[in-house]
Amino acid sequence: MKLGFAGLGRMGSRMAANCVGAGYDVMVWNRSPGPVEAFVEAHAAKAAPGPKNLAAANDMVVTVLANDEAARAVYLGPEGLIEVPGADLLVEMGTMSPDLVRELAGAAARAGKTFVDAPVSGATQAAQDAQLLIIAGCEGGAYPLLAEVFDAMGRKTIWLGSAGAGAVMKLAVNMLIHGLNQTVCEALILAGRAGISERDAFDVFENSAAAAPMLSYRRSLYLDEAGQDVSFTIDLAHKDVKLALALANDLGVGLPQTQTTLGMLEHARSAGFGSRDMASILAFMKGQAR
């Protein structure tokens, strides 16, 4: 099967590499050309000059895009993935709003194509190791080829049955993650003020009832954020939390804790932390501590 892949950021480049490693004939495109050149040089893959070429030359296209604006530009319009002939199966694996997912699914259906939202949970190391959780907004048996591609990128796929369900659950998961990130930073500051080293405090967290997988794989970021590669930025966390709150508003659900998390992310962004890893909330809060 010929597989197109659009979006070669921190996650997408690793996911596409795993598809190459699984034996797929992969063609890649990115809005900026640098990542494409690097990927083609490092892997047995071809480059596409634009989304329409990606759709025309492949049976299926996977996208890992940053936000709704990027997805609209890539999917919609006369040269977007939906309107161009070819690639009957389109799969978005980034974090998008459920409203946009439903809009794209409807537009794809009118064009005789299928659009699936299948966002992933897991950081860059999970993407590299093909250990992502894939949250798919479709029935599990509907697209056998899709299941095979997902197996090349993830450790497990949960099939939620309907378009937009993947996007909803991804926002719920990320809402939890960003709330936990905030609380971990607060707990480290509290322990530190009491004279306990951050390393010792983290050892306790990892072995306590509050332990979660993200504590272990993000340990180095919490203990030395400035010395590590960025995994997930404050700007992206801010985007996720705003989408979750917008969905909650549409559904008439109050999320007071998540509103507090948003406030802290906004303060950190205004202080210039937007491009830093979300673990930098710890450094930001230390600067604000009395």
Protein backbone atom coordinates (compact mmCIF):
# COMPACT_ATOMS: atom_id res chain seq x y z
CA MET A 1 0.00 0.00 0.00
CA LYS A 2 1.16 3.49 -0.83
CA LEU A 3 0.99 5.70 2.25
CA GLY A 4 1.15 9.48 2.32
CA PHE A 5 2.22 11.28 5.47
CA ALA A 6 1.75 15.01 6.09
CA GLY A 7 3.24 16.75 9.12
CA LEU A 8 6.79 15.90 10.15
CA GLY A 9 7.05 17.57 13.54
CA ARG A 10 8.34 15.97 16.71
CA MET A 11 5.64 13.30 16.65
CA GLY A 12 4.89 12.95 12.95
CA SER A 13 8.48 12.36 11.87
CA ARG A 14 8.82 9.46 14.30
CA MET A 15 5.46 7.97 13.37
CA ALA A 16 6.27 8.17 9.65
CA ALA A 17 9.66 6.56 10.26
CA ASN A 18 7.94 3.59 11.92
CA CYS A 19 5.70 3.20 8.88
CA VAL A 20 8.78 3.10 6.66
CA GLY A 21 10.29 0.53 9.02
CA ALA A 22 7.14 -1.59 8.76
CA GLY A 23 7.61 -1.82 4.99
CA TYR A 24 5.15 0.77 3.72
CA ASP A 25 5.89 2.75 0.57
CA VAL A 26 5.86 6.19 2.23
CA MET A 27 5.65 9.65 0.65
CA VAL A 28 5.96 12.70 2.92
CA TRP A 29 5.06 16.39 2.87
CA ASN A 30 5.42 19.18 5.40
CA ARG A 31 4.42 22.83 5.26
CA SER A 32 8.08 23.81 5.68
CA PRO A 33 10.53 21.93 3.42
CA GLY A 34 13.39 21.37 5.88
CA PRO A 35 11.85 18.38 7.72
CA VAL A 36 10.98 16.72 4.40
CA GLU A 37 14.55 16.96 3.14
CA ALA A 38 15.90 15.55 6.39
CA PHE A 39 13.36 12.72 6.44
CA VAL A 40 13.93 11.66 2.82
CA GLU A 41 17.68 11.67 3.40
CA ALA A 42 17.36 9.52 6.53
CA HIS A 43 14.70 7.08 5.33
CA ALA A 44 13.60 5.23 2.23
CA ALA A 45 10.82 7.70 1.43
CA LYS A 46 9.75 10.04 -1.35
CA ALA A 47 8.83 13.71 -1.11
CA ALA A 48 5.60 15.30 -2.34
CA PRO A 49 5.56 18.97 -3.40
CA GLY A 50 2.10 19.58 -1.92
CA PRO A 51 -1.05 18.04 -0.39
CA LYS A 52 -2.69 17.48 -3.78
CA ASN A 53 0.31 15.45 -4.94
CA LEU A 54 0.24 13.48 -1.70
CA ALA A 55 -3.42 12.60 -2.21
CA ALA A 56 -3.08 11.81 -5.90
CA ALA A 57 -0.14 9.43 -5.48
CA ASN A 58 -1.26 7.39 -2.46
CA ASP A 59 -4.00 5.05 -1.30
CA MET A 60 -4.18 6.54 2.18
CA VAL A 61 -2.90 9.76 3.79
CA VAL A 62 -2.06 10.21 7.47
CA THR A 63 -1.70 13.73 8.84
CA VAL A 64 -0.23 14.89 12.14
CA LEU A 65 -0.98 18.60 12.16
CA ALA A 66 -0.54 21.22 14.87
CA ASN A 67 -3.99 22.78 15.08
CA ASP A 68 -7.36 23.41 13.40
CA GLU A 69 -5.95 26.18 11.21
CA ALA A 70 -3.29 23.89 9.78
CA ALA A 71 -5.82 21.10 9.22
CA ARG A 72 -8.19 23.41 7.35
CA ALA A 73 -5.38 24.53 5.05
CA VAL A 74 -4.27 20.97 4.29
CA TYR A 75 -7.67 19.28 3.95
CA LEU A 76 -10.01 21.89 2.48
CA GLY A 77 -9.92 23.92 -0.70
CA PRO A 78 -9.43 22.99 -4.36
CA GLU A 79 -5.94 21.58 -3.77
CA GLY A 80 -6.62 20.04 -0.37
CA LEU A 81 -6.58 16.36 0.47
CA ILE A 82 -10.35 16.02 0.31
CA GLU A 83 -11.09 17.49 -3.12
CA VAL A 84 -8.15 16.01 -5.04
CA PRO A 85 -8.77 12.56 -6.59
CA GLY A 86 -6.93 9.67 -4.91
CA ALA A 87 -6.32 8.69 -1.27
CA ASP A 88 -9.83 7.54 -0.36
CA LEU A 89 -8.87 7.13 3.32
CA LEU A 90 -7.71 10.22 5.24
CA VAL A 91 -6.57 9.97 8.85
CA GLU A 92 -5.78 12.90 11.15
CA MET A 93 -3.70 11.92 14.21
CA GLY A 94 -3.08 15.31 15.81
CA THR A 95 -5.23 17.09 18.40
CA MET A 96 -8.13 18.87 16.72
CA SER A 97 -11.47 20.27 17.82
CA PRO A 98 -14.40 17.83 17.54
CA ASP A 99 -16.30 20.43 15.49
CA LEU A 100 -13.56 20.53 12.85
CA VAL A 101 -13.34 16.74 12.80
CA ARG A 102 -17.05 16.45 12.08
CA GLU A 103 -16.77 19.15 9.40
CA LEU A 104 -13.90 17.32 7.68
CA ALA A 105 -15.70 13.98 7.95
CA GLY A 106 -18.75 15.48 6.26
CA ALA A 107 -16.70 17.12 3.51
CA ALA A 108 -14.83 13.87 2.88
CA ALA A 109 -18.07 11.89 2.66
CA ARG A 110 -19.47 14.31 0.07
CA ALA A 111 -16.29 13.79 -1.97
CA GLY A 112 -16.62 10.01 -1.76
CA LYS A 113 -13.80 9.66 0.78
CA THR A 114 -13.52 8.58 4.41
CA PHE A 115 -12.05 10.80 7.12
CA VAL A 116 -11.03 9.27 10.46
CA ASP A 117 -9.92 11.11 13.58
CA ALA A 118 -7.30 9.00 15.37
CA PRO A 119 -5.29 11.20 17.76
CA VAL A 120 -2.51 9.63 19.78
CA SER A 121 -1.51 9.66 23.43
CA GLY A 122 2.17 9.44 24.29
CA ALA A 123 5.24 11.63 24.02
CA THR A 124 8.10 11.64 21.52
CA GLN A 125 9.78 8.57 23.00
CA ALA A 126 6.54 6.59 22.69
CA ALA A 127 6.24 7.77 19.08
CA GLN A 128 9.80 6.67 18.36
CA ASP A 129 9.28 3.26 19.99
CA ALA A 130 5.88 2.68 18.30
CA GLN A 131 4.26 2.60 21.76
CA LEU A 132 1.54 5.20 21.23
CA LEU A 133 -2.06 4.76 22.30
CA ILE A 134 -4.24 5.46 19.25
CA ILE A 135 -7.77 6.73 19.91
CA ALA A 136 -9.79 6.13 16.75
CA GLY A 137 -13.17 7.67 15.95
CA CYS A 138 -14.42 4.73 13.88
CA GLU A 139 -15.38 1.06 14.16
CA GLY A 140 -12.49 -1.35 14.62
CA GLY A 141 -13.40 -3.72 11.81
CA ALA A 142 -14.29 -1.07 9.26
CA TYR A 143 -10.84 -0.51 7.80
CA PRO A 144 -8.45 -3.49 8.07
CA LEU A 145 -5.64 -1.57 6.38
CA LEU A 146 -6.04 1.19 8.94
CA ALA A 147 -5.56 -1.26 11.79
CA GLU A 148 -2.36 -2.53 10.18
CA VAL A 149 -0.95 0.99 9.82
CA PHE A 150 -1.87 1.79 13.43
CA ASP A 151 -0.04 -1.34 14.56
CA ALA A 152 3.11 0.07 12.96
CA MET A 153 2.87 3.19 15.13
CA GLY A 154 1.24 2.17 18.40
CA ARG A 155 0.99 -0.40 21.15
CA LYS A 156 -2.82 -0.30 21.28
CA THR A 157 -5.78 1.16 19.41
CA ILE A 158 -9.08 1.91 21.11
CA TRP A 159 -11.93 2.10 18.59
CA LEU A 160 -14.68 4.53 19.64
CA GLY A 161 -17.10 4.01 16.76
CA SER A 162 -18.00 7.48 15.49
CA ALA A 163 -16.33 10.49 13.88
CA GLY A 164 -15.25 13.03 16.48
CA ALA A 165 -15.15 10.59 19.38
CA GLY A 166 -11.38 10.26 19.08
CA ALA A 167 -10.98 14.04 19.23
CA VAL A 168 -13.22 14.29 22.30
CA MET A 169 -11.31 11.62 24.20
CA LYS A 170 -7.94 13.12 23.23
CA LEU A 171 -9.01 16.45 24.75
CA ALA A 172 -10.17 14.65 27.91
CA VAL A 173 -6.84 12.81 28.18
CA ASN A 174 -4.77 15.94 27.59
CA MET A 175 -6.88 17.85 30.09
CA LEU A 176 -5.85 15.27 32.70
CA ILE A 177 -2.20 15.41 31.64
CA HIS A 178 -1.97 19.20 31.82
CA GLY A 179 -3.73 19.25 35.19
CA LEU A 180 -1.29 16.62 36.48
CA ASN A 181 1.64 18.61 35.08
CA GLN A 182 0.51 21.66 37.05
CA THR A 183 0.04 19.65 40.25
CA VAL A 184 3.41 17.87 39.96
CA CYS A 185 5.15 21.24 39.67
CA GLU A 186 3.28 22.58 42.70
CA ALA A 187 4.13 19.46 44.70
CA LEU A 188 7.84 19.75 43.82
CA ILE A 189 7.87 23.37 44.94
CA LEU A 190 6.14 22.51 48.21
CA ALA A 191 8.58 19.69 48.97
CA GLY A 192 11.53 21.87 47.99
CA ARG A 193 10.49 24.68 50.32
CA ALA A 194 10.43 22.09 53.12
CA GLY A 195 14.05 21.14 52.39
CA ILE A 196 13.48 17.96 50.34
CA SER A 197 15.43 17.67 47.10
CA GLU A 198 13.46 17.52 43.86
CA ARG A 199 15.09 14.19 43.01
CA ASP A 200 14.02 12.63 46.31
CA ALA A 201 10.55 14.10 45.99
CA PHE A 202 10.21 12.67 42.51
CA ASP A 203 11.31 9.24 43.75
CA VAL A 204 8.43 9.37 46.22
CA PHE A 205 5.92 10.49 43.56
CA GLU A 206 6.93 7.67 41.21
CA ASN A 207 6.44 5.07 43.93
CA SER A 208 3.27 6.47 45.44
CA ALA A 209 -0.43 5.94 44.74
CA ALA A 210 -0.27 9.10 42.60
CA ALA A 211 2.21 7.56 40.13
CA ALA A 212 1.28 7.77 36.46
CA PRO A 213 3.30 6.68 33.40
CA MET A 214 4.00 10.29 32.42
CA LEU A 215 5.92 10.82 35.66
CA SER A 216 8.50 8.21 34.68
CA TYR A 217 8.94 9.17 31.04
CA ARG A 218 9.02 12.89 31.86
CA ARG A 219 11.22 12.60 34.95
CA SER A 220 14.30 14.12 33.27
CA LEU A 221 12.23 17.07 32.07
CA TYR A 222 10.95 17.88 35.54
CA LEU A 223 14.41 17.55 37.11
CA ASP A 224 16.36 19.32 34.32
CA GLU A 225 13.94 20.89 31.86
CA ALA A 226 16.44 23.41 30.46
CA GLY A 227 18.92 20.64 29.67
CA GLN A 228 16.47 18.41 27.76
CA ASP A 229 14.97 18.48 24.29
CA VAL A 230 11.47 19.92 24.20
CA SER A 231 8.82 17.20 24.16
CA PHE A 232 5.55 19.19 24.35
CA THR A 233 5.42 22.97 24.50
CA ILE A 234 3.49 25.32 26.74
CA ASP A 235 1.90 26.75 23.56
CA LEU A 236 0.53 23.33 22.59
CA ALA A 237 -0.70 22.69 26.13
CA HIS A 238 -2.50 26.04 26.02
CA LYS A 239 -4.13 25.07 22.72
CA ASP A 240 -5.31 21.72 24.11
CA VAL A 241 -6.78 23.18 27.27
CA LYS A 242 -8.62 25.92 25.38
CA LEU A 243 -10.15 23.30 23.08
CA ALA A 244 -11.24 21.23 26.09
CA LEU A 245 -12.86 24.23 27.73
CA ALA A 246 -14.62 25.22 24.50
CA LEU A 247 -16.05 21.71 24.24
CA ALA A 248 -17.12 21.84 27.89
CA ASN A 249 -18.87 25.16 27.26
CA ASP A 250 -20.76 23.67 24.29
CA LEU A 251 -21.86 20.73 26.45
CA GLY A 252 -22.77 22.84 29.48
CA VAL A 253 -20.07 21.24 31.66
CA GLY A 254 -18.11 23.20 34.28
CA LEU A 255 -14.38 22.45 34.50
CA PRO A 256 -13.07 24.67 37.32
CA GLN A 257 -9.76 22.84 37.76
CA THR A 258 -9.04 22.99 34.03
CA GLN A 259 -9.87 26.71 34.02
CA THR A 260 -7.20 27.17 36.69
CA THR A 261 -4.72 25.20 34.58
CA LEU A 262 -5.46 27.47 31.62
CA GLY A 263 -4.79 30.55 33.73
CA MET A 264 -1.34 29.28 34.73
CA LEU A 265 -0.49 28.40 31.11
CA GLU A 266 -1.51 31.89 30.00
CA HIS A 267 0.67 33.50 32.68
CA ALA A 268 3.62 31.33 31.61
CA ARG A 269 3.13 32.21 27.95
CA SER A 270 3.00 35.92 28.72
CA ALA A 271 6.32 35.51 30.55
CA GLY A 272 7.96 34.03 27.44
CA PHE A 273 7.69 30.32 28.25
CA GLY A 274 5.47 29.41 25.27
CA SER A 275 8.11 27.53 23.25
CA ARG A 276 9.55 25.72 26.26
CA ASP A 277 8.45 22.27 27.41
CA MET A 278 5.34 22.14 29.56
CA ALA A 279 7.57 21.00 32.45
CA SER A 280 8.92 24.57 32.49
CA ILE A 281 5.83 25.46 34.52
CA LEU A 282 8.06 24.43 37.43
CA ALA A 283 10.69 27.06 36.58
CA PHE A 284 7.97 29.65 35.96
CA MET A 285 6.33 28.99 39.30
CA LYS A 286 9.66 29.10 41.13
CA GLY A 287 10.13 32.58 39.70
CA GLN A 288 6.70 33.56 40.97
CA ALA A 289 7.05 31.95 44.41
CA ARG A 290 7.06 34.30 47.39
